[in-house]
Amino acid sequence: MRWRRPIWHRIIRRRARWRRRVATSGLMLAALAGATYVALPSLAHFAGGTSPTMPDDAHVAVPAFGERGSDVLAYEHGTTFTMTFPLVNDGWLPVTVRDVRLSDEPRPLAGVTSVTSDGATLPVTVPAGETRRVALTVRFDNCRYYHEREMQVISGAVVDGSVFGRNLRTTAGFQLDLVVSSPMIASCPDRTLRRDDDVRR
């Protein structure tokens, strides 16, 4: 008669195999969850092609300037104006917006001093498929760090925020490039005329 192992031995072996499979599945799920969490910012996106609204004396549209036309901002040192435009979340996930700027350079010619959304200060959450209109207070400044007629081209707004705790930086593109030109010496106080006096580089 052929000897057979006790049934309890077979049960123990089956349980051990089951535990190994569960552990392997758990590791795979954890790795998948980690990869998904890391990839969250890539699933967030703001639609481009928006047209900012500005006072007439702050800009002039020049469709023939540049590859897709330009909106030339009228630099007047120290003055401010309000620019509004929609942030359209056409991604898959809600985005919490913490800050909106026109440039990530350290000394922009058109710097943003404050941002509101529907009259409230940031942060604001933009659910997937929805729109929030933001208003930027823009100040013309920092011409001392630029040569005469040196231009800064702004293709869109730089948006800083988060998606389920993951930091996000993306750009909401404008329909036309915004172009800011540094003024002549007489219109730019405190210009040093020294080439090494440039904190941007």
N, C-alpha and C. Protein backbone atom coordinates (compact mmCIF):
# COMPACT_ATOMS: atom_id res chain seq x y z
N MET A 1 0.85 -1.20 0.00
CA MET A 1 0.00 0.00 0.00
C MET A 1 0.89 1.25 0.00
N ARG A 2 0.57 2.22 -0.88
CA ARG A 2 1.39 3.43 -1.02
C ARG A 2 1.12 4.38 0.14
N TRP A 3 2.26 4.88 0.68
CA TRP A 3 2.12 5.80 1.82
C TRP A 3 1.74 7.20 1.33
N ARG A 4 0.83 7.84 2.02
CA ARG A 4 0.40 9.20 1.69
C ARG A 4 0.61 10.10 2.90
N ARG A 5 1.04 11.31 2.60
CA ARG A 5 1.24 12.26 3.68
C ARG A 5 -0.08 12.60 4.35
N PRO A 6 -0.02 12.92 5.62
CA PRO A 6 -1.26 13.30 6.33
C PRO A 6 -1.91 14.51 5.67
N ILE A 7 -3.21 14.58 5.79
CA ILE A 7 -3.94 15.68 5.15
C ILE A 7 -3.55 17.04 5.70
N TRP A 8 -3.18 17.06 7.00
CA TRP A 8 -2.81 18.35 7.57
C TRP A 8 -1.54 18.91 6.93
N HIS A 9 -0.66 18.01 6.46
CA HIS A 9 0.56 18.46 5.79
C HIS A 9 0.23 19.13 4.46
N ARG A 10 -0.71 18.52 3.72
CA ARG A 10 -1.11 19.12 2.45
C ARG A 10 -1.79 20.47 2.67
N ILE A 11 -2.58 20.58 3.73
CA ILE A 11 -3.26 21.85 4.03
C ILE A 11 -2.24 22.94 4.33
N ILE A 12 -1.19 22.60 5.09
CA ILE A 12 -0.16 23.58 5.43
C ILE A 12 0.55 24.07 4.17
N ARG A 13 0.86 23.13 3.25
CA ARG A 13 1.54 23.52 2.02
C ARG A 13 0.66 24.42 1.16
N ARG A 14 -0.63 24.11 1.08
CA ARG A 14 -1.54 24.94 0.30
C ARG A 14 -1.64 26.34 0.89
N ARG A 15 -1.71 26.41 2.22
CA ARG A 15 -1.78 27.72 2.87
C ARG A 15 -0.51 28.53 2.61
N ALA A 16 0.64 27.84 2.63
CA ALA A 16 1.90 28.54 2.37
C ALA A 16 1.93 29.10 0.96
N ARG A 17 1.46 28.29 -0.02
CA ARG A 17 1.41 28.78 -1.41
C ARG A 17 0.45 29.96 -1.53
N TRP A 18 -0.68 29.88 -0.84
CA TRP A 18 -1.67 30.96 -0.89
C TRP A 18 -1.10 32.25 -0.31
N ARG A 19 -0.35 32.09 0.82
CA ARG A 19 0.25 33.28 1.43
C ARG A 19 1.28 33.92 0.50
N ARG A 20 2.08 33.09 -0.19
CA ARG A 20 3.06 33.63 -1.12
C ARG A 20 2.39 34.38 -2.26
N ARG A 21 1.28 33.81 -2.76
CA ARG A 21 0.56 34.48 -3.85
C ARG A 21 -0.04 35.80 -3.38
N VAL A 22 -0.59 35.79 -2.16
CA VAL A 22 -1.16 37.03 -1.62
C VAL A 22 -0.08 38.08 -1.43
N ALA A 23 1.10 37.66 -0.91
CA ALA A 23 2.20 38.60 -0.71
C ALA A 23 2.68 39.17 -2.03
N THR A 24 2.80 38.30 -3.05
CA THR A 24 3.24 38.77 -4.36
C THR A 24 2.23 39.75 -4.95
N SER A 25 0.94 39.42 -4.83
CA SER A 25 -0.11 40.31 -5.34
C SER A 25 -0.09 41.64 -4.60
N GLY A 26 0.14 41.58 -3.28
CA GLY A 26 0.20 42.82 -2.49
C GLY A 26 1.35 43.71 -2.92
N LEU A 27 2.51 43.10 -3.19
CA LEU A 27 3.66 43.88 -3.65
C LEU A 27 3.38 44.51 -5.01
N MET A 28 2.73 43.74 -5.89
CA MET A 28 2.42 44.28 -7.22
C MET A 28 1.43 45.43 -7.12
N LEU A 29 0.42 45.28 -6.24
CA LEU A 29 -0.56 46.36 -6.07
C LEU A 29 0.09 47.59 -5.47
N ALA A 30 1.01 47.38 -4.50
CA ALA A 30 1.70 48.51 -3.89
C ALA A 30 2.56 49.24 -4.91
N ALA A 31 3.26 48.46 -5.76
CA ALA A 31 4.09 49.08 -6.80
C ALA A 31 3.23 49.86 -7.79
N LEU A 32 2.07 49.28 -8.15
CA LEU A 32 1.17 49.96 -9.08
C LEU A 32 0.63 51.24 -8.47
N ALA A 33 0.25 51.17 -7.18
CA ALA A 33 -0.26 52.36 -6.50
C ALA A 33 0.81 53.44 -6.42
N GLY A 34 2.06 53.03 -6.13
CA GLY A 34 3.14 54.00 -6.06
C GLY A 34 3.40 54.66 -7.40
N ALA A 35 3.40 53.85 -8.46
CA ALA A 35 3.63 54.41 -9.80
C ALA A 35 2.50 55.36 -10.19
N THR A 36 1.27 55.00 -9.83
CA THR A 36 0.13 55.87 -10.14
C THR A 36 0.23 57.19 -9.39
N TYR A 37 0.65 57.12 -8.11
CA TYR A 37 0.78 58.34 -7.31
C TYR A 37 1.84 59.26 -7.89
N VAL A 38 2.96 58.67 -8.32
CA VAL A 38 4.04 59.47 -8.91
C VAL A 38 3.57 60.11 -10.21
N ALA A 39 2.73 59.39 -10.97
CA ALA A 39 2.29 59.88 -12.29
C ALA A 39 1.11 60.83 -12.22
N LEU A 40 0.57 61.09 -11.03
CA LEU A 40 -0.63 61.93 -10.92
C LEU A 40 -0.48 63.29 -11.62
N PRO A 41 0.63 64.02 -11.42
CA PRO A 41 0.72 65.33 -12.08
C PRO A 41 0.61 65.27 -13.60
N SER A 42 1.06 64.16 -14.20
CA SER A 42 0.99 64.06 -15.66
C SER A 42 -0.44 63.90 -16.16
N LEU A 43 -1.37 63.57 -15.27
CA LEU A 43 -2.78 63.42 -15.65
C LEU A 43 -3.55 64.73 -15.52
N ALA A 44 -2.88 65.76 -15.00
CA ALA A 44 -3.52 67.07 -14.82
C ALA A 44 -3.08 68.01 -15.94
N HIS A 45 -4.01 68.80 -16.44
CA HIS A 45 -3.68 69.65 -17.58
C HIS A 45 -4.69 70.78 -17.68
N PHE A 46 -4.19 71.97 -18.03
CA PHE A 46 -5.06 73.11 -18.29
C PHE A 46 -5.05 73.41 -19.79
N ALA A 47 -6.21 73.67 -20.33
CA ALA A 47 -6.34 73.91 -21.76
C ALA A 47 -5.60 75.18 -22.16
N GLY A 48 -5.01 75.15 -23.36
CA GLY A 48 -4.34 76.32 -23.89
C GLY A 48 -5.26 77.09 -24.83
N GLY A 49 -4.71 78.12 -25.43
CA GLY A 49 -5.47 78.90 -26.40
C GLY A 49 -6.38 79.95 -25.80
N THR A 50 -6.18 80.27 -24.51
CA THR A 50 -7.03 81.28 -23.89
C THR A 50 -6.53 82.68 -24.24
N SER A 51 -7.43 83.64 -24.19
CA SER A 51 -7.09 85.03 -24.49
C SER A 51 -7.32 85.88 -23.24
N PRO A 52 -6.24 86.39 -22.62
CA PRO A 52 -6.40 87.23 -21.44
C PRO A 52 -7.16 88.51 -21.75
N THR A 53 -7.92 88.98 -20.78
CA THR A 53 -8.62 90.26 -20.88
C THR A 53 -7.83 91.31 -20.11
N MET A 54 -7.51 92.43 -20.79
CA MET A 54 -6.71 93.50 -20.18
C MET A 54 -7.27 94.85 -20.59
N PRO A 55 -6.94 95.91 -19.84
CA PRO A 55 -7.34 97.26 -20.27
C PRO A 55 -6.71 97.60 -21.61
N ASP A 56 -7.41 98.40 -22.39
CA ASP A 56 -6.93 98.75 -23.73
C ASP A 56 -5.58 99.46 -23.71
N ASP A 57 -5.34 100.26 -22.67
CA ASP A 57 -4.08 101.01 -22.64
C ASP A 57 -2.90 100.18 -22.14
N ALA A 58 -3.14 98.91 -21.80
CA ALA A 58 -2.05 98.06 -21.30
C ALA A 58 -1.43 97.20 -22.38
N HIS A 59 -2.05 97.14 -23.55
CA HIS A 59 -1.53 96.25 -24.58
C HIS A 59 -2.05 96.67 -25.96
N VAL A 60 -1.42 96.08 -26.98
CA VAL A 60 -1.91 96.23 -28.34
C VAL A 60 -1.65 94.92 -29.08
N ALA A 61 -2.65 94.41 -29.76
CA ALA A 61 -2.52 93.16 -30.50
C ALA A 61 -1.80 93.41 -31.82
N VAL A 62 -0.80 92.55 -32.10
CA VAL A 62 -0.05 92.64 -33.36
C VAL A 62 -0.06 91.25 -33.99
N PRO A 63 -1.10 90.92 -34.76
CA PRO A 63 -1.23 89.56 -35.31
C PRO A 63 -0.08 89.13 -36.20
N ALA A 64 0.63 90.08 -36.82
CA ALA A 64 1.69 89.73 -37.76
C ALA A 64 3.05 89.54 -37.09
N PHE A 65 3.13 89.79 -35.76
CA PHE A 65 4.42 89.68 -35.07
C PHE A 65 4.55 88.30 -34.44
N GLY A 66 5.59 87.57 -34.82
CA GLY A 66 5.79 86.23 -34.28
C GLY A 66 5.08 85.17 -35.12
N GLU A 67 5.32 83.92 -34.74
CA GLU A 67 4.76 82.80 -35.51
C GLU A 67 3.24 82.73 -35.42
N ARG A 68 2.68 83.08 -34.28
CA ARG A 68 1.22 82.98 -34.12
C ARG A 68 0.58 84.28 -33.65
N GLY A 69 1.29 85.39 -33.90
CA GLY A 69 0.77 86.67 -33.48
C GLY A 69 1.17 86.99 -32.05
N SER A 70 1.08 88.26 -31.68
CA SER A 70 1.52 88.67 -30.35
C SER A 70 0.59 89.74 -29.79
N ASP A 71 0.60 89.81 -28.47
CA ASP A 71 -0.04 90.88 -27.73
C ASP A 71 1.08 91.64 -27.04
N VAL A 72 1.37 92.85 -27.49
CA VAL A 72 2.50 93.61 -26.96
C VAL A 72 2.03 94.44 -25.77
N LEU A 73 2.64 94.18 -24.61
CA LEU A 73 2.29 94.93 -23.40
C LEU A 73 3.02 96.27 -23.40
N ALA A 74 2.31 97.30 -22.98
CA ALA A 74 2.85 98.67 -22.99
C ALA A 74 3.57 98.93 -21.67
N TYR A 75 4.87 98.62 -21.64
CA TYR A 75 5.65 98.77 -20.40
C TYR A 75 5.73 100.24 -19.99
N GLU A 76 5.27 100.52 -18.79
CA GLU A 76 5.42 101.83 -18.16
C GLU A 76 5.83 101.57 -16.72
N HIS A 77 7.07 101.87 -16.43
CA HIS A 77 7.67 101.43 -15.17
C HIS A 77 6.84 101.82 -13.95
N GLY A 78 6.60 100.81 -13.10
CA GLY A 78 5.92 101.05 -11.83
C GLY A 78 4.40 101.00 -11.89
N THR A 79 3.82 100.96 -13.08
CA THR A 79 2.37 100.94 -13.18
C THR A 79 1.85 99.50 -13.07
N THR A 80 0.58 99.39 -12.73
CA THR A 80 -0.06 98.08 -12.59
C THR A 80 -1.34 98.03 -13.41
N PHE A 81 -1.74 96.83 -13.75
CA PHE A 81 -3.03 96.62 -14.41
C PHE A 81 -3.53 95.23 -14.05
N THR A 82 -4.79 94.97 -14.34
CA THR A 82 -5.40 93.68 -14.02
C THR A 82 -5.62 92.87 -15.30
N MET A 83 -5.19 91.63 -15.25
CA MET A 83 -5.36 90.69 -16.36
C MET A 83 -6.21 89.52 -15.87
N THR A 84 -7.24 89.16 -16.62
CA THR A 84 -8.07 88.02 -16.25
C THR A 84 -8.11 87.01 -17.39
N PHE A 85 -8.21 85.74 -17.03
CA PHE A 85 -8.35 84.68 -18.03
C PHE A 85 -8.86 83.42 -17.34
N PRO A 86 -9.45 82.51 -18.10
CA PRO A 86 -9.98 81.28 -17.50
C PRO A 86 -8.91 80.20 -17.38
N LEU A 87 -8.96 79.47 -16.28
CA LEU A 87 -8.18 78.24 -16.14
C LEU A 87 -9.14 77.08 -16.39
N VAL A 88 -8.98 76.42 -17.52
CA VAL A 88 -9.88 75.34 -17.93
C VAL A 88 -9.19 74.01 -17.66
N ASN A 89 -9.69 73.27 -16.70
CA ASN A 89 -9.10 71.97 -16.36
C ASN A 89 -9.66 70.91 -17.30
N ASP A 90 -8.89 70.59 -18.34
CA ASP A 90 -9.33 69.56 -19.28
C ASP A 90 -8.60 68.24 -19.04
N GLY A 91 -8.04 68.10 -17.82
CA GLY A 91 -7.38 66.85 -17.45
C GLY A 91 -8.36 65.89 -16.79
N TRP A 92 -7.80 64.85 -16.16
CA TRP A 92 -8.61 63.79 -15.56
C TRP A 92 -8.85 63.99 -14.07
N LEU A 93 -8.10 64.91 -13.44
CA LEU A 93 -8.13 65.00 -11.99
C LEU A 93 -8.34 66.44 -11.54
N PRO A 94 -8.89 66.64 -10.33
CA PRO A 94 -9.00 68.00 -9.80
C PRO A 94 -7.63 68.55 -9.44
N VAL A 95 -7.45 69.85 -9.64
CA VAL A 95 -6.17 70.50 -9.36
C VAL A 95 -6.40 71.63 -8.36
N THR A 96 -5.60 71.64 -7.30
CA THR A 96 -5.62 72.75 -6.35
C THR A 96 -4.55 73.75 -6.78
N VAL A 97 -4.98 74.94 -7.17
CA VAL A 97 -4.07 75.97 -7.68
C VAL A 97 -3.61 76.85 -6.52
N ARG A 98 -2.29 76.94 -6.34
CA ARG A 98 -1.73 77.75 -5.26
C ARG A 98 -1.18 79.08 -5.75
N ASP A 99 -0.72 79.12 -7.01
CA ASP A 99 -0.12 80.36 -7.51
C ASP A 99 -0.19 80.37 -9.03
N VAL A 100 -0.29 81.58 -9.59
CA VAL A 100 -0.29 81.76 -11.04
C VAL A 100 0.63 82.93 -11.35
N ARG A 101 1.57 82.72 -12.26
CA ARG A 101 2.51 83.77 -12.65
C ARG A 101 2.60 83.82 -14.17
N LEU A 102 3.21 84.89 -14.65
CA LEU A 102 3.41 85.03 -16.09
C LEU A 102 4.80 84.56 -16.52
N SER A 103 5.68 84.35 -15.55
CA SER A 103 7.03 83.90 -15.87
C SER A 103 7.63 83.26 -14.64
N ASP A 104 8.52 82.27 -14.85
CA ASP A 104 9.24 81.68 -13.73
C ASP A 104 10.66 82.24 -13.63
N GLU A 105 10.94 83.33 -14.36
CA GLU A 105 12.23 83.99 -14.24
C GLU A 105 12.27 84.81 -12.95
N PRO A 106 13.47 85.00 -12.37
CA PRO A 106 13.56 85.69 -11.08
C PRO A 106 13.23 87.18 -11.14
N ARG A 107 13.41 87.83 -12.29
CA ARG A 107 13.16 89.27 -12.40
C ARG A 107 12.34 89.55 -13.66
N PRO A 108 11.06 89.21 -13.68
CA PRO A 108 10.26 89.42 -14.90
C PRO A 108 9.93 90.89 -15.11
N LEU A 109 9.79 91.27 -16.37
CA LEU A 109 9.37 92.64 -16.68
C LEU A 109 7.90 92.87 -16.30
N ALA A 110 7.11 91.82 -16.38
CA ALA A 110 5.70 91.89 -15.98
C ALA A 110 5.51 90.90 -14.83
N GLY A 111 5.63 91.41 -13.61
CA GLY A 111 5.54 90.55 -12.43
C GLY A 111 4.14 90.55 -11.85
N VAL A 112 3.72 89.41 -11.33
CA VAL A 112 2.39 89.28 -10.72
C VAL A 112 2.52 89.54 -9.22
N THR A 113 1.74 90.51 -8.73
CA THR A 113 1.81 90.86 -7.31
C THR A 113 0.69 90.22 -6.50
N SER A 114 -0.42 89.85 -7.14
CA SER A 114 -1.50 89.17 -6.42
C SER A 114 -2.38 88.42 -7.41
N VAL A 115 -3.03 87.36 -6.91
CA VAL A 115 -3.91 86.54 -7.73
C VAL A 115 -5.18 86.23 -6.95
N THR A 116 -6.32 86.39 -7.60
CA THR A 116 -7.59 86.01 -6.99
C THR A 116 -8.39 85.17 -7.98
N SER A 117 -9.35 84.43 -7.45
CA SER A 117 -10.26 83.65 -8.28
C SER A 117 -11.68 83.89 -7.78
N ASP A 118 -12.49 84.49 -8.63
CA ASP A 118 -13.86 84.86 -8.24
C ASP A 118 -13.85 85.72 -6.98
N GLY A 119 -12.86 86.61 -6.88
CA GLY A 119 -12.77 87.53 -5.77
C GLY A 119 -12.11 86.99 -4.52
N ALA A 120 -11.77 85.71 -4.50
CA ALA A 120 -11.15 85.10 -3.33
C ALA A 120 -9.68 84.81 -3.60
N THR A 121 -8.86 84.87 -2.56
CA THR A 121 -7.45 84.58 -2.71
C THR A 121 -7.23 83.08 -2.89
N LEU A 122 -6.10 82.74 -3.47
CA LEU A 122 -5.75 81.34 -3.65
C LEU A 122 -5.35 80.72 -2.31
N PRO A 123 -5.44 79.38 -2.17
CA PRO A 123 -5.65 78.38 -3.22
C PRO A 123 -7.12 78.21 -3.61
N VAL A 124 -7.30 77.67 -4.82
CA VAL A 124 -8.63 77.33 -5.31
C VAL A 124 -8.53 75.99 -6.02
N THR A 125 -9.55 75.17 -5.86
CA THR A 125 -9.57 73.86 -6.51
C THR A 125 -10.41 73.93 -7.79
N VAL A 126 -9.82 73.44 -8.87
CA VAL A 126 -10.50 73.40 -10.17
C VAL A 126 -10.81 71.93 -10.48
N PRO A 127 -12.06 71.50 -10.31
CA PRO A 127 -12.38 70.09 -10.61
C PRO A 127 -12.17 69.77 -12.08
N ALA A 128 -11.99 68.49 -12.38
CA ALA A 128 -11.81 68.05 -13.76
C ALA A 128 -13.02 68.46 -14.60
N GLY A 129 -12.74 69.05 -15.76
CA GLY A 129 -13.81 69.46 -16.66
C GLY A 129 -14.45 70.79 -16.32
N GLU A 130 -13.95 71.48 -15.30
CA GLU A 130 -14.54 72.76 -14.91
C GLU A 130 -13.55 73.90 -15.12
N THR A 131 -14.06 75.12 -14.95
CA THR A 131 -13.28 76.33 -15.22
C THR A 131 -13.36 77.29 -14.03
N ARG A 132 -12.24 77.91 -13.72
CA ARG A 132 -12.20 78.99 -12.74
C ARG A 132 -11.50 80.17 -13.38
N ARG A 133 -12.09 81.35 -13.24
CA ARG A 133 -11.47 82.54 -13.82
C ARG A 133 -10.57 83.19 -12.78
N VAL A 134 -9.36 83.50 -13.18
CA VAL A 134 -8.40 84.12 -12.27
C VAL A 134 -8.11 85.55 -12.71
N ALA A 135 -7.83 86.39 -11.72
CA ALA A 135 -7.47 87.79 -11.97
C ALA A 135 -6.09 88.04 -11.41
N LEU A 136 -5.18 88.50 -12.26
CA LEU A 136 -3.81 88.77 -11.88
C LEU A 136 -3.57 90.28 -11.84
N THR A 137 -3.00 90.76 -10.75
CA THR A 137 -2.53 92.13 -10.70
C THR A 137 -1.08 92.14 -11.17
N VAL A 138 -0.83 92.80 -12.28
CA VAL A 138 0.48 92.77 -12.94
C VAL A 138 1.16 94.13 -12.78
N ARG A 139 2.43 94.08 -12.41
CA ARG A 139 3.21 95.31 -12.24
C ARG A 139 4.40 95.30 -13.20
N PHE A 140 4.59 96.41 -13.91
CA PHE A 140 5.77 96.56 -14.77
C PHE A 140 6.95 96.96 -13.90
N ASP A 141 8.01 96.14 -13.95
CA ASP A 141 9.14 96.37 -13.04
C ASP A 141 10.38 95.68 -13.60
N ASN A 142 11.50 95.91 -12.93
CA ASN A 142 12.77 95.20 -13.19
C ASN A 142 13.44 95.56 -14.51
N CYS A 143 13.09 96.67 -15.13
CA CYS A 143 13.74 97.01 -16.39
C CYS A 143 15.22 97.29 -16.21
N ARG A 144 15.65 97.59 -14.99
CA ARG A 144 17.07 97.88 -14.76
C ARG A 144 17.95 96.68 -15.07
N TYR A 145 17.37 95.49 -15.06
CA TYR A 145 18.14 94.28 -15.31
C TYR A 145 18.12 93.86 -16.79
N TYR A 146 17.54 94.69 -17.64
CA TYR A 146 17.43 94.37 -19.06
C TYR A 146 18.07 95.48 -19.89
N HIS A 147 18.59 95.11 -21.04
CA HIS A 147 19.11 96.11 -21.97
C HIS A 147 17.93 96.80 -22.66
N GLU A 148 18.21 97.94 -23.24
CA GLU A 148 17.18 98.67 -23.97
C GLU A 148 16.56 97.79 -25.06
N ARG A 149 15.24 97.77 -25.08
CA ARG A 149 14.46 97.07 -26.09
C ARG A 149 14.62 95.55 -26.04
N GLU A 150 15.27 95.05 -25.00
CA GLU A 150 15.31 93.60 -24.82
C GLU A 150 13.90 93.11 -24.53
N MET A 151 13.51 92.00 -25.13
CA MET A 151 12.13 91.54 -25.04
C MET A 151 12.01 90.27 -24.21
N GLN A 152 10.90 90.18 -23.54
CA GLN A 152 10.53 88.96 -22.82
C GLN A 152 9.23 88.44 -23.42
N VAL A 153 9.24 87.18 -23.85
CA VAL A 153 8.07 86.58 -24.50
C VAL A 153 7.39 85.64 -23.51
N ILE A 154 6.09 85.83 -23.34
CA ILE A 154 5.30 85.02 -22.40
C ILE A 154 4.29 84.21 -23.21
N SER A 155 4.46 82.90 -23.23
CA SER A 155 3.58 82.04 -24.04
C SER A 155 2.37 81.54 -23.27
N GLY A 156 2.40 81.70 -21.94
CA GLY A 156 1.27 81.24 -21.13
C GLY A 156 1.53 81.51 -19.67
N ALA A 157 0.54 81.18 -18.85
CA ALA A 157 0.66 81.39 -17.41
C ALA A 157 1.27 80.16 -16.76
N VAL A 158 2.19 80.38 -15.84
CA VAL A 158 2.81 79.30 -15.08
C VAL A 158 1.93 79.03 -13.85
N VAL A 159 1.42 77.80 -13.76
CA VAL A 159 0.48 77.44 -12.69
C VAL A 159 1.17 76.47 -11.73
N ASP A 160 1.22 76.85 -10.46
CA ASP A 160 1.74 75.96 -9.41
C ASP A 160 0.57 75.47 -8.57
N GLY A 161 0.56 74.17 -8.30
CA GLY A 161 -0.52 73.61 -7.50
C GLY A 161 -0.21 72.21 -7.07
N SER A 162 -1.26 71.42 -6.84
CA SER A 162 -1.07 70.05 -6.40
C SER A 162 -2.24 69.19 -6.85
N VAL A 163 -1.97 67.89 -6.98
CA VAL A 163 -2.97 66.89 -7.32
C VAL A 163 -2.90 65.79 -6.28
N PHE A 164 -3.90 65.73 -5.39
CA PHE A 164 -3.91 64.74 -4.31
C PHE A 164 -2.58 64.73 -3.55
N GLY A 165 -2.06 65.93 -3.25
CA GLY A 165 -0.84 66.04 -2.47
C GLY A 165 0.44 66.06 -3.27
N ARG A 166 0.38 65.74 -4.55
CA ARG A 166 1.58 65.77 -5.41
C ARG A 166 1.72 67.15 -6.04
N ASN A 167 2.91 67.76 -5.88
CA ASN A 167 3.15 69.08 -6.44
C ASN A 167 3.08 69.06 -7.96
N LEU A 168 2.59 70.16 -8.50
CA LEU A 168 2.39 70.26 -9.94
C LEU A 168 2.82 71.63 -10.41
N ARG A 169 3.53 71.68 -11.53
CA ARG A 169 3.79 72.93 -12.23
C ARG A 169 3.51 72.70 -13.70
N THR A 170 2.61 73.50 -14.25
CA THR A 170 2.24 73.35 -15.64
C THR A 170 1.99 74.73 -16.23
N THR A 171 1.73 74.78 -17.53
CA THR A 171 1.52 76.05 -18.22
C THR A 171 0.17 76.04 -18.91
N ALA A 172 -0.59 77.10 -18.70
CA ALA A 172 -1.84 77.32 -19.42
C ALA A 172 -1.53 78.28 -20.56
N GLY A 173 -1.44 77.76 -21.77
CA GLY A 173 -0.98 78.56 -22.91
C GLY A 173 -1.98 79.61 -23.35
N PHE A 174 -1.46 80.73 -23.84
CA PHE A 174 -2.29 81.80 -24.38
C PHE A 174 -2.42 81.65 -25.90
N GLN A 175 -3.49 82.20 -26.42
CA GLN A 175 -3.70 82.14 -27.87
C GLN A 175 -2.61 82.92 -28.60
N LEU A 176 -2.27 84.10 -28.08
CA LEU A 176 -1.19 84.92 -28.63
C LEU A 176 -0.09 85.05 -27.59
N ASP A 177 1.16 85.08 -28.05
CA ASP A 177 2.26 85.36 -27.12
C ASP A 177 2.12 86.77 -26.57
N LEU A 178 2.44 86.93 -25.29
CA LEU A 178 2.54 88.27 -24.71
C LEU A 178 4.00 88.69 -24.80
N VAL A 179 4.23 89.89 -25.32
CA VAL A 179 5.59 90.38 -25.50
C VAL A 179 5.76 91.66 -24.67
N VAL A 180 6.81 91.67 -23.83
CA VAL A 180 7.13 92.85 -23.03
C VAL A 180 8.49 93.34 -23.47
N SER A 181 8.59 94.61 -23.80
CA SER A 181 9.84 95.19 -24.27
C SER A 181 10.40 96.14 -23.22
N SER A 182 11.68 95.97 -22.90
CA SER A 182 12.33 96.86 -21.95
C SER A 182 12.41 98.27 -22.54
N PRO A 183 12.13 99.30 -21.74
CA PRO A 183 12.08 100.67 -22.29
C PRO A 183 13.47 101.28 -22.48
N MET A 184 13.48 102.47 -23.04
CA MET A 184 14.71 103.23 -23.21
C MET A 184 15.22 103.69 -21.84
N ILE A 185 16.47 104.16 -21.80
CA ILE A 185 17.10 104.53 -20.53
C ILE A 185 16.29 105.60 -19.80
N ALA A 186 15.80 106.59 -20.53
CA ALA A 186 15.08 107.69 -19.89
C ALA A 186 13.82 107.24 -19.19
N SER A 187 13.26 106.11 -19.62
CA SER A 187 12.01 105.62 -19.03
C SER A 187 12.22 104.53 -18.00
N CYS A 188 13.49 104.25 -17.69
CA CYS A 188 13.79 103.18 -16.74
C CYS A 188 14.70 103.69 -15.64
N PRO A 189 14.15 104.08 -14.50
CA PRO A 189 14.99 104.57 -13.41
C PRO A 189 15.87 103.46 -12.84
N ASP A 190 17.02 103.86 -12.32
CA ASP A 190 17.95 102.96 -11.63
C ASP A 190 18.64 101.97 -12.56
N ARG A 191 18.55 102.16 -13.87
CA ARG A 191 19.30 101.26 -14.75
C ARG A 191 20.79 101.54 -14.56
N THR A 192 21.57 100.49 -14.34
CA THR A 192 22.98 100.66 -13.99
C THR A 192 23.90 100.70 -15.19
N LEU A 193 23.48 100.15 -16.31
CA LEU A 193 24.29 100.09 -17.53
C LEU A 193 25.51 99.18 -17.36
N ARG A 194 25.50 98.33 -16.33
CA ARG A 194 26.59 97.38 -16.13
C ARG A 194 26.12 95.99 -16.57
N ARG A 195 26.90 95.37 -17.44
CA ARG A 195 26.51 94.07 -17.96
C ARG A 195 26.51 92.99 -16.88
N ASP A 196 27.36 93.15 -15.85
CA ASP A 196 27.41 92.13 -14.81
C ASP A 196 26.34 92.34 -13.74
N ASP A 197 25.58 93.43 -13.84
CA ASP A 197 24.51 93.69 -12.88
C ASP A 197 23.22 93.04 -13.41
N ASP A 198 23.21 91.74 -13.43
CA ASP A 198 22.09 90.99 -13.99
C ASP A 198 21.88 89.74 -13.14
N VAL A 199 20.94 89.80 -12.22
CA VAL A 199 20.73 88.68 -11.31
C VAL A 199 19.95 87.55 -11.96
N ARG A 200 19.52 87.74 -13.20
CA ARG A 200 18.74 86.69 -13.85
C ARG A 200 19.61 85.55 -14.32
N ARG A 201 20.90 85.76 -14.48
CA ARG A 201 21.78 84.74 -15.05
C ARG A 201 22.85 84.34 -14.05
